[in-house]
Amino acid sequence: MRNVATLNELIETLQEMLDDYPELGDQPVNVGYQPNYPLAGVIANVVVIGGDDPEEEDEDEDSEPALWIAISDNHSEPYAPRAAWEHR
């Protein structure tokens, strides 16, 4: 298992996985959350919130921009495999 805390670490990790498993490049990205009660989902949206984006009316204009990945429970299986939290 590899902890991913930054956007650069996420990109690096995903590139390594794509190098190892090129056939995954056209597959949906699945997510699991709540390791003690593992639920499954899919990425619904990726957005930067904050900063000086004029289209963001509700956000504090002085805030630092932050990357958010929104997860939807719109997945074929409601539960994620427990192995998603184990070392590979």
PDB file of N, CA and C in Angstrom:
ATOM      1  N   MET A   1       0.849  -1.167   0.000  1.00  0.00           N
ATOM      2  CA  MET A   1       0.000   0.000   0.000  1.00  0.00           C
ATOM      3  C   MET A   1       0.892   1.227   0.000  1.00  0.00           C
ATOM      4  N   ARG A   2       0.462   2.234  -0.694  1.00  0.00           N
ATOM      5  CA  ARG A   2       1.235   3.468  -0.779  1.00  0.00           C
ATOM      6  C   ARG A   2       0.351   4.629  -0.364  1.00  0.00           C
ATOM      7  N   ASN A   3       0.771   5.351   0.644  1.00  0.00           N
ATOM      8  CA  ASN A   3       0.012   6.518   1.058  1.00  0.00           C
ATOM      9  C   ASN A   3       0.231   7.644   0.058  1.00  0.00           C
ATOM     10  N   VAL A   4      -0.839   8.284  -0.328  1.00  0.00           N
ATOM     11  CA  VAL A   4      -0.797   9.376  -1.288  1.00  0.00           C
ATOM     12  C   VAL A   4      -1.382  10.598  -0.606  1.00  0.00           C
ATOM     13  N   ALA A   5      -0.562  11.638  -0.430  1.00  0.00           N
ATOM     14  CA  ALA A   5      -1.016  12.830   0.287  1.00  0.00           C
ATOM     15  C   ALA A   5      -1.060  14.067  -0.596  1.00  0.00           C
ATOM     16  N   THR A   6      -0.343  14.058  -1.709  1.00  0.00           N
ATOM     17  CA  THR A   6      -0.288  15.254  -2.552  1.00  0.00           C
ATOM     18  C   THR A   6      -0.664  14.898  -3.990  1.00  0.00           C
ATOM     19  N   LEU A   7      -0.968  15.915  -4.764  1.00  0.00           N
ATOM     20  CA  LEU A   7      -1.303  15.714  -6.172  1.00  0.00           C
ATOM     21  C   LEU A   7      -0.132  15.078  -6.918  1.00  0.00           C
ATOM     22  N   ASN A   8       1.091  15.524  -6.635  1.00  0.00           N
ATOM     23  CA  ASN A   8       2.266  14.932  -7.288  1.00  0.00           C
ATOM     24  C   ASN A   8       2.403  13.454  -6.950  1.00  0.00           C
ATOM     25  N   GLU A   9       2.156  13.073  -5.685  1.00  0.00           N
ATOM     26  CA  GLU A   9       2.232  11.664  -5.297  1.00  0.00           C
ATOM     27  C   GLU A   9       1.139  10.852  -5.982  1.00  0.00           C
ATOM     28  N   LEU A  10      -0.056  11.439  -6.112  1.00  0.00           N
ATOM     29  CA  LEU A  10      -1.142  10.752  -6.798  1.00  0.00           C
ATOM     30  C   LEU A  10      -0.785  10.509  -8.257  1.00  0.00           C
ATOM     31  N   ILE A  11      -0.282  11.527  -8.932  1.00  0.00           N
ATOM     32  CA  ILE A  11       0.098  11.395 -10.348  1.00  0.00           C
ATOM     33  C   ILE A  11       1.196  10.354 -10.504  1.00  0.00           C
ATOM     34  N   GLU A  12       2.199  10.401  -9.649  1.00  0.00           N
ATOM     35  CA  GLU A  12       3.300   9.437  -9.717  1.00  0.00           C
ATOM     36  C   GLU A  12       2.801   8.011  -9.498  1.00  0.00           C
ATOM     37  N   THR A  13       1.950   7.829  -8.507  1.00  0.00           N
ATOM     38  CA  THR A  13       1.414   6.501  -8.212  1.00  0.00           C
ATOM     39  C   THR A  13       0.577   5.977  -9.369  1.00  0.00           C
ATOM     40  N   LEU A  14      -0.291   6.832  -9.910  1.00  0.00           N
ATOM     41  CA  LEU A  14      -1.126   6.406 -11.030  1.00  0.00           C
ATOM     42  C   LEU A  14      -0.288   6.086 -12.260  1.00  0.00           C
ATOM     43  N   GLN A  15       0.778   6.853 -12.512  1.00  0.00           N
ATOM     44  CA  GLN A  15       1.642   6.581 -13.660  1.00  0.00           C
ATOM     45  C   GLN A  15       2.358   5.243 -13.492  1.00  0.00           C
ATOM     46  N   GLU A  16       2.816   4.944 -12.258  1.00  0.00           N
ATOM     47  CA  GLU A  16       3.458   3.650 -12.010  1.00  0.00           C
ATOM     48  C   GLU A  16       2.482   2.497 -12.252  1.00  0.00           C
ATOM     49  N   MET A  17       1.239   2.671 -11.795  1.00  0.00           N
ATOM     50  CA  MET A  17       0.231   1.630 -12.009  1.00  0.00           C
ATOM     51  C   MET A  17      -0.081   1.463 -13.491  1.00  0.00           C
ATOM     52  N   LEU A  18      -0.153   2.569 -14.223  1.00  0.00           N
ATOM     53  CA  LEU A  18      -0.412   2.503 -15.657  1.00  0.00           C
ATOM     54  C   LEU A  18       0.752   1.832 -16.384  1.00  0.00           C
ATOM     55  N   ASP A  19       1.983   2.086 -15.933  1.00  0.00           N
ATOM     56  CA  ASP A  19       3.143   1.425 -16.522  1.00  0.00           C
ATOM     57  C   ASP A  19       3.078  -0.082 -16.294  1.00  0.00           C
ATOM     58  N   ASP A  20       2.655  -0.499 -15.090  1.00  0.00           N
ATOM     59  CA  ASP A  20       2.569  -1.923 -14.754  1.00  0.00           C
ATOM     60  C   ASP A  20       1.357  -2.600 -15.388  1.00  0.00           C
ATOM     61  N   TYR A  21       0.255  -1.874 -15.525  1.00  0.00           N
ATOM     62  CA  TYR A  21      -1.001  -2.426 -16.036  1.00  0.00           C
ATOM     63  C   TYR A  21      -1.583  -1.500 -17.106  1.00  0.00           C
ATOM     64  N   PRO A  22      -0.991  -1.451 -18.293  1.00  0.00           N
ATOM     65  CA  PRO A  22      -1.444  -0.501 -19.320  1.00  0.00           C
ATOM     66  C   PRO A  22      -2.901  -0.712 -19.734  1.00  0.00           C
ATOM     67  N   GLU A  23      -3.413  -1.923 -19.575  1.00  0.00           N
ATOM     68  CA  GLU A  23      -4.800  -2.186 -19.961  1.00  0.00           C
ATOM     69  C   GLU A  23      -5.809  -1.440 -19.079  1.00  0.00           C
ATOM     70  N   LEU A  24      -5.373  -0.928 -17.932  1.00  0.00           N
ATOM     71  CA  LEU A  24      -6.268  -0.184 -17.050  1.00  0.00           C
ATOM     72  C   LEU A  24      -6.500   1.249 -17.507  1.00  0.00           C
ATOM     73  N   GLY A  25      -5.752   1.701 -18.501  1.00  0.00           N
ATOM     74  CA  GLY A  25      -5.840   3.089 -18.935  1.00  0.00           C
ATOM     75  C   GLY A  25      -7.217   3.526 -19.404  1.00  0.00           C
ATOM     76  N   ASP A  26      -8.013   2.613 -19.915  1.00  0.00           N
ATOM     77  CA  ASP A  26      -9.349   2.954 -20.412  1.00  0.00           C
ATOM     78  C   ASP A  26     -10.457   2.456 -19.482  1.00  0.00           C
ATOM     79  N   GLN A  27     -10.088   2.031 -18.285  1.00  0.00           N
ATOM     80  CA  GLN A  27     -11.068   1.502 -17.340  1.00  0.00           C
ATOM     81  C   GLN A  27     -11.529   2.586 -16.365  1.00  0.00           C
ATOM     82  N   PRO A  28     -12.749   2.460 -15.819  1.00  0.00           N
ATOM     83  CA  PRO A  28     -13.206   3.411 -14.799  1.00  0.00           C
ATOM     84  C   PRO A  28     -12.327   3.330 -13.556  1.00  0.00           C
ATOM     85  N   VAL A  29     -12.226   4.426 -12.849  1.00  0.00           N
ATOM     86  CA  VAL A  29     -11.477   4.465 -11.585  1.00  0.00           C
ATOM     87  C   VAL A  29     -12.455   4.184 -10.453  1.00  0.00           C
ATOM     88  N   ASN A  30     -12.212   3.126  -9.700  1.00  0.00           N
ATOM     89  CA  ASN A  30     -13.045   2.773  -8.559  1.00  0.00           C
ATOM     90  C   ASN A  30     -12.400   3.291  -7.286  1.00  0.00           C
ATOM     91  N   VAL A  31     -13.212   3.629  -6.313  1.00  0.00           N
ATOM     92  CA  VAL A  31     -12.695   4.085  -5.030  1.00  0.00           C
ATOM     93  C   VAL A  31     -13.374   3.301  -3.916  1.00  0.00           C
ATOM     94  N   GLY A  32     -12.655   3.139  -2.832  1.00  0.00           N
ATOM     95  CA  GLY A  32     -13.216   2.522  -1.640  1.00  0.00           C
ATOM     96  C   GLY A  32     -13.028   3.470  -0.485  1.00  0.00           C
ATOM     97  N   TYR A  33     -13.994   3.520   0.401  1.00  0.00           N
ATOM     98  CA  TYR A  33     -13.867   4.378   1.576  1.00  0.00           C
ATOM     99  C   TYR A  33     -14.455   3.666   2.783  1.00  0.00           C
ATOM    100  N   GLN A  34     -14.100   4.123   3.948  1.00  0.00           N
ATOM    101  CA  GLN A  34     -14.461   3.519   5.225  1.00  0.00           C
ATOM    102  C   GLN A  34     -13.878   2.107   5.330  1.00  0.00           C
ATOM    103  N   PRO A  35     -12.592   1.968   5.636  1.00  0.00           N
ATOM    104  CA  PRO A  35     -11.980   0.635   5.659  1.00  0.00           C
ATOM    105  C   PRO A  35     -12.631  -0.342   6.640  1.00  0.00           C
ATOM    106  N   ASN A  36     -13.263   0.128   7.703  1.00  0.00           N
ATOM    107  CA  ASN A  36     -13.908  -0.790   8.641  1.00  0.00           C
ATOM    108  C   ASN A  36     -15.278  -1.251   8.155  1.00  0.00           C
ATOM    109  N   TYR A  37     -15.862  -0.530   7.257  1.00  0.00           N
ATOM    110  CA  TYR A  37     -17.130  -0.880   6.614  1.00  0.00           C
ATOM    111  C   TYR A  37     -16.964  -0.471   5.161  1.00  0.00           C
ATOM    112  N   PRO A  38     -16.190  -1.265   4.391  1.00  0.00           N
ATOM    113  CA  PRO A  38     -15.713  -0.808   3.077  1.00  0.00           C
ATOM    114  C   PRO A  38     -16.814  -0.602   2.040  1.00  0.00           C
ATOM    115  N   LEU A  39     -17.050   0.648   1.714  1.00  0.00           N
ATOM    116  CA  LEU A  39     -18.020   1.007   0.695  1.00  0.00           C
ATOM    117  C   LEU A  39     -17.290   1.344  -0.602  1.00  0.00           C
ATOM    118  N   ALA A  40     -17.989   1.206  -1.713  1.00  0.00           N
ATOM    119  CA  ALA A  40     -17.389   1.450  -3.026  1.00  0.00           C
ATOM    120  C   ALA A  40     -18.045   2.655  -3.680  1.00  0.00           C
ATOM    121  N   GLY A  41     -17.303   3.284  -4.575  1.00  0.00           N
ATOM    122  CA  GLY A  41     -17.826   4.412  -5.326  1.00  0.00           C
ATOM    123  C   GLY A  41     -16.989   4.649  -6.560  1.00  0.00           C
ATOM    124  N   VAL A  42     -17.352   5.681  -7.287  1.00  0.00           N
ATOM    125  CA  VAL A  42     -16.605   6.089  -8.468  1.00  0.00           C
ATOM    126  C   VAL A  42     -16.328   7.583  -8.359  1.00  0.00           C
ATOM    127  N   ILE A  43     -15.301   8.046  -9.048  1.00  0.00           N
ATOM    128  CA  ILE A  43     -14.995   9.474  -9.053  1.00  0.00           C
ATOM    129  C   ILE A  43     -16.074  10.189  -9.854  1.00  0.00           C
ATOM    130  N   ALA A  44     -16.745  11.134  -9.210  1.00  0.00           N
ATOM    131  CA  ALA A  44     -17.813  11.882  -9.864  1.00  0.00           C
ATOM    132  C   ALA A  44     -17.316  13.204 -10.424  1.00  0.00           C
ATOM    133  N   ASN A  45     -16.317  13.807  -9.761  1.00  0.00           N
ATOM    134  CA  ASN A  45     -15.829  15.107 -10.206  1.00  0.00           C
ATOM    135  C   ASN A  45     -14.475  15.391  -9.574  1.00  0.00           C
ATOM    136  N   VAL A  46     -13.652  16.110 -10.287  1.00  0.00           N
ATOM    137  CA  VAL A  46     -12.379  16.608  -9.778  1.00  0.00           C
ATOM    138  C   VAL A  46     -12.388  18.108 -10.030  1.00  0.00           C
ATOM    139  N   VAL A  47     -12.167  18.902  -8.980  1.00  0.00           N
ATOM    140  CA  VAL A  47     -12.298  20.345  -9.105  1.00  0.00           C
ATOM    141  C   VAL A  47     -11.317  21.046  -8.168  1.00  0.00           C
ATOM    142  N   VAL A  48     -10.899  22.230  -8.560  1.00  0.00           N
ATOM    143  CA  VAL A  48     -10.105  23.093  -7.683  1.00  0.00           C
ATOM    144  C   VAL A  48     -11.050  24.147  -7.121  1.00  0.00           C
ATOM    145  N   ILE A  49     -11.067  24.284  -5.803  1.00  0.00           N
ATOM    146  CA  ILE A  49     -11.926  25.249  -5.131  1.00  0.00           C
ATOM    147  C   ILE A  49     -11.045  26.233  -4.375  1.00  0.00           C
ATOM    148  N   GLY A  50     -11.412  27.495  -4.436  1.00  0.00           N
ATOM    149  CA  GLY A  50     -10.668  28.532  -3.724  1.00  0.00           C
ATOM    150  C   GLY A  50      -9.766  29.289  -4.669  1.00  0.00           C
ATOM    151  N   GLY A  51      -8.982  30.182  -4.093  1.00  0.00           N
ATOM    152  CA  GLY A  51      -8.108  31.005  -4.910  1.00  0.00           C
ATOM    153  C   GLY A  51      -8.870  32.161  -5.508  1.00  0.00           C
ATOM    154  N   ASP A  52      -8.445  32.617  -6.657  1.00  0.00           N
ATOM    155  CA  ASP A  52      -9.052  33.800  -7.259  1.00  0.00           C
ATOM    156  C   ASP A  52      -9.867  33.466  -8.499  1.00  0.00           C
ATOM    157  N   ASP A  53     -10.525  32.303  -8.516  1.00  0.00           N
ATOM    158  CA  ASP A  53     -11.369  31.915  -9.643  1.00  0.00           C
ATOM    159  C   ASP A  53     -12.642  32.755  -9.636  1.00  0.00           C
ATOM    160  N   PRO A  54     -12.863  33.590 -10.670  1.00  0.00           N
ATOM    161  CA  PRO A  54     -14.038  34.469 -10.687  1.00  0.00           C
ATOM    162  C   PRO A  54     -15.360  33.717 -10.798  1.00  0.00           C
ATOM    163  N   GLU A  55     -15.336  32.443 -11.239  1.00  0.00           N
ATOM    164  CA  GLU A  55     -16.562  31.670 -11.363  1.00  0.00           C
ATOM    165  C   GLU A  55     -17.032  31.105 -10.034  1.00  0.00           C
ATOM    166  N   GLU A  56     -16.188  31.112  -9.012  1.00  0.00           N
ATOM    167  CA  GLU A  56     -16.542  30.580  -7.699  1.00  0.00           C
ATOM    168  C   GLU A  56     -17.108  31.695  -6.838  1.00  0.00           C
ATOM    169  N   GLU A  57     -18.415  31.925  -6.917  1.00  0.00           N
ATOM    170  CA  GLU A  57     -19.043  33.021  -6.187  1.00  0.00           C
ATOM    171  C   GLU A  57     -19.161  32.749  -4.698  1.00  0.00           C
ATOM    172  N   ASP A  58     -19.374  31.478  -4.319  1.00  0.00           N
ATOM    173  CA  ASP A  58     -19.642  31.142  -2.922  1.00  0.00           C
ATOM    174  C   ASP A  58     -18.378  30.934  -2.094  1.00  0.00           C
ATOM    175  N   GLU A  59     -17.241  30.861  -2.716  1.00  0.00           N
ATOM    176  CA  GLU A  59     -16.008  30.559  -2.000  1.00  0.00           C
ATOM    177  C   GLU A  59     -15.284  31.829  -1.570  1.00  0.00           C
ATOM    178  N   ASP A  60     -14.503  31.719  -0.522  1.00  0.00           N
ATOM    179  CA  ASP A  60     -13.695  32.828  -0.023  1.00  0.00           C
ATOM    180  C   ASP A  60     -12.591  33.109  -1.037  1.00  0.00           C
ATOM    181  N   GLU A  61     -12.590  34.310  -1.599  1.00  0.00           N
ATOM    182  CA  GLU A  61     -11.633  34.641  -2.656  1.00  0.00           C
ATOM    183  C   GLU A  61     -10.193  34.661  -2.174  1.00  0.00           C
ATOM    184  N   ASP A  62      -9.988  34.829  -0.877  1.00  0.00           N
ATOM    185  CA  ASP A  62      -8.628  34.884  -0.346  1.00  0.00           C
ATOM    186  C   ASP A  62      -8.094  33.510   0.047  1.00  0.00           C
ATOM    187  N   SER A  63      -8.893  32.464  -0.071  1.00  0.00           N
ATOM    188  CA  SER A  63      -8.451  31.147   0.347  1.00  0.00           C
ATOM    189  C   SER A  63      -7.469  30.557  -0.664  1.00  0.00           C
ATOM    190  N   GLU A  64      -6.629  29.667  -0.184  1.00  0.00           N
ATOM    191  CA  GLU A  64      -5.692  28.967  -1.055  1.00  0.00           C
ATOM    192  C   GLU A  64      -6.472  27.962  -1.896  1.00  0.00           C
ATOM    193  N   PRO A  65      -6.115  27.777  -3.161  1.00  0.00           N
ATOM    194  CA  PRO A  65      -6.805  26.777  -3.965  1.00  0.00           C
ATOM    195  C   PRO A  65      -6.540  25.376  -3.428  1.00  0.00           C
ATOM    196  N   ALA A  66      -7.552  24.524  -3.485  1.00  0.00           N
ATOM    197  CA  ALA A  66      -7.429  23.145  -3.011  1.00  0.00           C
ATOM    198  C   ALA A  66      -8.087  22.212  -4.017  1.00  0.00           C
ATOM    199  N   LEU A  67      -7.449  21.080  -4.259  1.00  0.00           N
ATOM    200  CA  LEU A  67      -7.987  20.062  -5.149  1.00  0.00           C
ATOM    201  C   LEU A  67      -8.962  19.189  -4.366  1.00  0.00           C
ATOM    202  N   TRP A  68     -10.159  18.986  -4.914  1.00  0.00           N
ATOM    203  CA  TRP A  68     -11.161  18.106  -4.313  1.00  0.00           C
ATOM    204  C   TRP A  68     -11.553  17.054  -5.331  1.00  0.00           C
ATOM    205  N   ILE A  69     -11.634  15.803  -4.875  1.00  0.00           N
ATOM    206  CA  ILE A  69     -12.135  14.702  -5.683  1.00  0.00           C
ATOM    207  C   ILE A  69     -13.436  14.256  -5.037  1.00  0.00           C
ATOM    208  N   ALA A  70     -14.539  14.409  -5.758  1.00  0.00           N
ATOM    209  CA  ALA A  70     -15.849  14.018  -5.249  1.00  0.00           C
ATOM    210  C   ALA A  70     -16.141  12.579  -5.649  1.00  0.00           C
ATOM    211  N   ILE A  71     -16.677  11.816  -4.714  1.00  0.00           N
ATOM    212  CA  ILE A  71     -16.971  10.405  -4.938  1.00  0.00           C
ATOM    213  C   ILE A  71     -18.481  10.205  -4.920  1.00  0.00           C
ATOM    214  N   SER A  72     -18.972   9.443  -5.880  1.00  0.00           N
ATOM    215  CA  SER A  72     -20.384   9.094  -5.948  1.00  0.00           C
ATOM    216  C   SER A  72     -20.541   7.624  -5.574  1.00  0.00           C
ATOM    217  N   ASP A  73     -21.646   7.285  -4.959  1.00  0.00           N
ATOM    218  CA  ASP A  73     -21.893   5.875  -4.633  1.00  0.00           C
ATOM    219  C   ASP A  73     -22.491   5.121  -5.816  1.00  0.00           C
ATOM    220  N   ASN A  74     -22.467   5.716  -6.986  1.00  0.00           N
ATOM    221  CA  ASN A  74     -23.000   5.122  -8.194  1.00  0.00           C
ATOM    222  C   ASN A  74     -22.028   4.063  -8.722  1.00  0.00           C
ATOM    223  N   HIS A  75     -21.971   2.935  -8.083  1.00  0.00           N
ATOM    224  CA  HIS A  75     -21.020   1.875  -8.391  1.00  0.00           C
ATOM    225  C   HIS A  75     -21.793   0.567  -8.548  1.00  0.00           C
ATOM    226  N   SER A  76     -21.280  -0.357  -9.337  1.00  0.00           N
ATOM    227  CA  SER A  76     -21.981  -1.616  -9.575  1.00  0.00           C
ATOM    228  C   SER A  76     -22.072  -2.481  -8.321  1.00  0.00           C
ATOM    229  N   GLU A  77     -21.127  -2.357  -7.416  1.00  0.00           N
ATOM    230  CA  GLU A  77     -21.134  -3.102  -6.154  1.00  0.00           C
ATOM    231  C   GLU A  77     -21.108  -2.101  -5.004  1.00  0.00           C
ATOM    232  N   PRO A  78     -21.946  -2.291  -3.977  1.00  0.00           N
ATOM    233  CA  PRO A  78     -21.955  -1.309  -2.884  1.00  0.00           C
ATOM    234  C   PRO A  78     -20.744  -1.410  -1.954  1.00  0.00           C
ATOM    235  N   TYR A  79     -20.028  -2.537  -1.976  1.00  0.00           N
ATOM    236  CA  TYR A  79     -18.916  -2.730  -1.050  1.00  0.00           C
ATOM    237  C   TYR A  79     -17.591  -2.852  -1.782  1.00  0.00           C
ATOM    238  N   ALA A  80     -16.575  -2.255  -1.213  1.00  0.00           N
ATOM    239  CA  ALA A  80     -15.220  -2.346  -1.763  1.00  0.00           C
ATOM    240  C   ALA A  80     -14.537  -3.575  -1.176  1.00  0.00           C
ATOM    241  N   PRO A  81     -13.609  -4.169  -1.914  1.00  0.00           N
ATOM    242  CA  PRO A  81     -12.872  -5.310  -1.350  1.00  0.00           C
ATOM    243  C   PRO A  81     -11.938  -4.841  -0.241  1.00  0.00           C
ATOM    244  N   ARG A  82     -11.889  -5.582   0.839  1.00  0.00           N
ATOM    245  CA  ARG A  82     -11.024  -5.221   1.961  1.00  0.00           C
ATOM    246  C   ARG A  82      -9.559  -5.152   1.516  1.00  0.00           C
ATOM    247  N   ALA A  83      -9.202  -5.898   0.478  1.00  0.00           N
ATOM    248  CA  ALA A  83      -7.830  -5.906  -0.035  1.00  0.00           C
ATOM    249  C   ALA A  83      -7.394  -4.524  -0.531  1.00  0.00           C
ATOM    250  N   ALA A  84      -8.333  -3.611  -0.775  1.00  0.00           N
ATOM    251  CA  ALA A  84      -7.973  -2.274  -1.228  1.00  0.00           C
ATOM    252  C   ALA A  84      -7.145  -1.532  -0.182  1.00  0.00           C
ATOM    253  N   TRP A  85      -7.220  -1.944   1.073  1.00  0.00           N
ATOM    254  CA  TRP A  85      -6.467  -1.284   2.147  1.00  0.00           C
ATOM    255  C   TRP A  85      -5.229  -2.079   2.546  1.00  0.00           C
ATOM    256  N   GLU A  86      -4.949  -3.177   1.858  1.00  0.00           N
ATOM    257  CA  GLU A  86      -3.790  -4.008   2.186  1.00  0.00           C
ATOM    258  C   GLU A  86      -2.625  -3.668   1.270  1.00  0.00           C
ATOM    259  N   HIS A  87      -1.428  -4.074   1.703  1.00  0.00           N
ATOM    260  CA  HIS A  87      -0.232  -3.870   0.864  1.00  0.00           C
ATOM    261  C   HIS A  87      -0.345  -4.710  -0.385  1.00  0.00           C
ATOM    262  N   ARG A  88       0.169  -4.151  -1.484  1.00  0.00           N
ATOM    263  CA  ARG A  88       0.154  -4.956  -2.709  1.00  0.00           C
ATOM    264  C   ARG A  88       1.492  -5.579  -2.950  1.00  0.00           C
TER     265      ARG A  88
END
